[in-house]
Amino acid sequence: MIRGLPCALLALFLASCGFTSSGDRVRDAAKQYGAQAMDEGLANAEFFICRAASVGSVYRRYARDKQTAEAWKTLCLGDPEADILDSTEQ
């Protein structure tokens, strides 16, 4: 079993590099599913930053200065000038 592992790893390496006839298929699948996984990862990260993180976490991270606050508002609200405080409740 252990002797076969280096051979299997070498075959996988060669296949993924395109040195074999299946290399293109392996690379194309990795691109397609890898890109899909990364897109889903970004969507999940944005959801967490914008909707799932606690108010305190968002405040500590993004209310440090105007630039980071505007970056959060742009990412999460689509408008760097958005007023996130309801002025009627102050």
C-alpha atoms as a PDB file:
ATOM      1  CA  MET A   1       0.000   0.000   0.000  1.00  0.00           C
ATOM      2  CA  ILE A   2       2.724   2.466   0.940  1.00  0.00           C
ATOM      3  CA  ARG A   3       4.765   1.615  -2.159  1.00  0.00           C
ATOM      4  CA  GLY A   4       1.815   2.415  -4.394  1.00  0.00           C
ATOM      5  CA  LEU A   5       1.222   5.826  -2.818  1.00  0.00           C
ATOM      6  CA  PRO A   6       4.169   7.590  -4.499  1.00  0.00           C
ATOM      7  CA  CYS A   7       3.125   6.135  -7.865  1.00  0.00           C
ATOM      8  CA  ALA A   8      -0.460   7.263  -7.351  1.00  0.00           C
ATOM      9  CA  LEU A   9       0.690  10.742  -6.357  1.00  0.00           C
ATOM     10  CA  LEU A  10       2.965  10.926  -9.405  1.00  0.00           C
ATOM     11  CA  ALA A  11       0.128   9.850 -11.689  1.00  0.00           C
ATOM     12  CA  LEU A  12      -2.198  12.432 -10.151  1.00  0.00           C
ATOM     13  CA  PHE A  13       0.462  15.112 -10.520  1.00  0.00           C
ATOM     14  CA  LEU A  14       1.083  14.244 -14.153  1.00  0.00           C
ATOM     15  CA  ALA A  15      -2.640  14.109 -14.897  1.00  0.00           C
ATOM     16  CA  SER A  16      -3.255  17.484 -13.334  1.00  0.00           C
ATOM     17  CA  CYS A  17      -0.366  19.070 -15.202  1.00  0.00           C
ATOM     18  CA  GLY A  18      -1.621  18.024 -18.616  1.00  0.00           C
ATOM     19  CA  PHE A  19       1.153  15.546 -19.389  1.00  0.00           C
ATOM     20  CA  THR A  20      -1.431  12.823 -19.989  1.00  0.00           C
ATOM     21  CA  SER A  21      -4.575  12.599 -22.082  1.00  0.00           C
ATOM     22  CA  SER A  22      -6.742  13.109 -18.989  1.00  0.00           C
ATOM     23  CA  GLY A  23      -4.833  16.209 -17.888  1.00  0.00           C
ATOM     24  CA  ASP A  24      -7.035  18.625 -19.755  1.00  0.00           C
ATOM     25  CA  ARG A  25     -10.180  17.090 -18.266  1.00  0.00           C
ATOM     26  CA  VAL A  26      -8.748  17.266 -14.761  1.00  0.00           C
ATOM     27  CA  ARG A  27      -7.651  20.867 -15.230  1.00  0.00           C
ATOM     28  CA  ASP A  28     -10.992  21.905 -16.755  1.00  0.00           C
ATOM     29  CA  ALA A  29     -12.928  20.288 -13.910  1.00  0.00           C
ATOM     30  CA  ALA A  30     -10.692  21.957 -11.326  1.00  0.00           C
ATOM     31  CA  LYS A  31     -11.216  25.326 -13.014  1.00  0.00           C
ATOM     32  CA  GLN A  32     -14.975  24.931 -13.276  1.00  0.00           C
ATOM     33  CA  TYR A  33     -15.643  23.539  -9.820  1.00  0.00           C
ATOM     34  CA  GLY A  34     -12.845  25.511  -8.193  1.00  0.00           C
ATOM     35  CA  ALA A  35     -14.234  28.768  -9.560  1.00  0.00           C
ATOM     36  CA  GLN A  36     -17.743  27.794  -8.453  1.00  0.00           C
ATOM     37  CA  ALA A  37     -16.465  26.988  -4.957  1.00  0.00           C
ATOM     38  CA  MET A  38     -14.586  30.292  -4.739  1.00  0.00           C
ATOM     39  CA  ASP A  39     -17.667  32.227  -5.912  1.00  0.00           C
ATOM     40  CA  GLU A  40     -19.760  30.519  -3.243  1.00  0.00           C
ATOM     41  CA  GLY A  41     -17.064  31.241  -0.669  1.00  0.00           C
ATOM     42  CA  LEU A  42     -17.143  34.950  -1.484  1.00  0.00           C
ATOM     43  CA  ALA A  43     -20.943  35.004  -1.327  1.00  0.00           C
ATOM     44  CA  ASN A  44     -20.801  33.326   2.088  1.00  0.00           C
ATOM     45  CA  ALA A  45     -18.146  35.749   3.313  1.00  0.00           C
ATOM     46  CA  GLU A  46     -20.182  38.750   2.154  1.00  0.00           C
ATOM     47  CA  PHE A  47     -23.287  37.359   3.837  1.00  0.00           C
ATOM     48  CA  PHE A  48     -21.377  36.914   7.070  1.00  0.00           C
ATOM     49  CA  ILE A  49     -19.806  40.389   6.932  1.00  0.00           C
ATOM     50  CA  CYS A  50     -23.054  42.131   5.996  1.00  0.00           C
ATOM     51  CA  ARG A  51     -25.764  40.130   7.751  1.00  0.00           C
ATOM     52  CA  ALA A  52     -24.469  37.537  10.193  1.00  0.00           C
ATOM     53  CA  ALA A  53     -21.696  39.281  12.138  1.00  0.00           C
ATOM     54  CA  SER A  54     -22.629  40.899  15.413  1.00  0.00           C
ATOM     55  CA  VAL A  55     -23.092  44.653  15.558  1.00  0.00           C
ATOM     56  CA  GLY A  56     -20.145  44.885  17.921  1.00  0.00           C
ATOM     57  CA  SER A  57     -17.883  42.964  15.547  1.00  0.00           C
ATOM     58  CA  VAL A  58     -18.859  45.126  12.607  1.00  0.00           C
ATOM     59  CA  TYR A  59     -18.421  48.282  14.683  1.00  0.00           C
ATOM     60  CA  ARG A  60     -14.964  47.284  15.967  1.00  0.00           C
ATOM     61  CA  ARG A  61     -13.773  46.316  12.499  1.00  0.00           C
ATOM     62  CA  TYR A  62     -15.375  48.910  10.234  1.00  0.00           C
ATOM     63  CA  ALA A  63     -16.126  51.967  12.382  1.00  0.00           C
ATOM     64  CA  ARG A  64     -12.470  52.698  13.097  1.00  0.00           C
ATOM     65  CA  ASP A  65     -12.363  55.449  10.505  1.00  0.00           C
ATOM     66  CA  LYS A  66     -14.412  56.955   7.694  1.00  0.00           C
ATOM     67  CA  GLN A  67     -12.667  54.985   4.951  1.00  0.00           C
ATOM     68  CA  THR A  68     -13.379  51.542   6.419  1.00  0.00           C
ATOM     69  CA  ALA A  69     -16.948  52.552   7.336  1.00  0.00           C
ATOM     70  CA  GLU A  70     -17.550  53.656   3.736  1.00  0.00           C
ATOM     71  CA  ALA A  71     -16.033  50.390   2.467  1.00  0.00           C
ATOM     72  CA  TRP A  72     -18.491  48.381   4.599  1.00  0.00           C
ATOM     73  CA  LYS A  73     -21.431  50.526   3.504  1.00  0.00           C
ATOM     74  CA  THR A  74     -20.424  50.183  -0.153  1.00  0.00           C
ATOM     75  CA  LEU A  75     -20.073  46.409   0.087  1.00  0.00           C
ATOM     76  CA  CYS A  76     -23.154  45.752   2.184  1.00  0.00           C
ATOM     77  CA  LEU A  77     -25.520  48.595   1.308  1.00  0.00           C
ATOM     78  CA  GLY A  78     -24.273  49.607  -2.130  1.00  0.00           C
ATOM     79  CA  ASP A  79     -23.848  53.247  -1.089  1.00  0.00           C
ATOM     80  CA  PRO A  80     -20.831  54.699   0.737  1.00  0.00           C
ATOM     81  CA  GLU A  81     -22.958  57.652   1.874  1.00  0.00           C
ATOM     82  CA  ALA A  82     -25.788  55.531   3.315  1.00  0.00           C
ATOM     83  CA  ASP A  83     -27.030  56.616   6.707  1.00  0.00           C
ATOM     84  CA  ILE A  84     -27.148  53.466   8.830  1.00  0.00           C
ATOM     85  CA  LEU A  85     -28.592  55.220  11.867  1.00  0.00           C
ATOM     86  CA  ASP A  86     -32.261  56.071  12.007  1.00  0.00           C
ATOM     87  CA  SER A  87     -32.171  59.734  12.982  1.00  0.00           C
ATOM     88  CA  THR A  88     -35.695  59.558  14.418  1.00  0.00           C
ATOM     89  CA  GLU A  89     -34.535  57.204  17.183  1.00  0.00           C
ATOM     90  CA  GLN A  90     -31.705  59.402  18.495  1.00  0.00           C
END
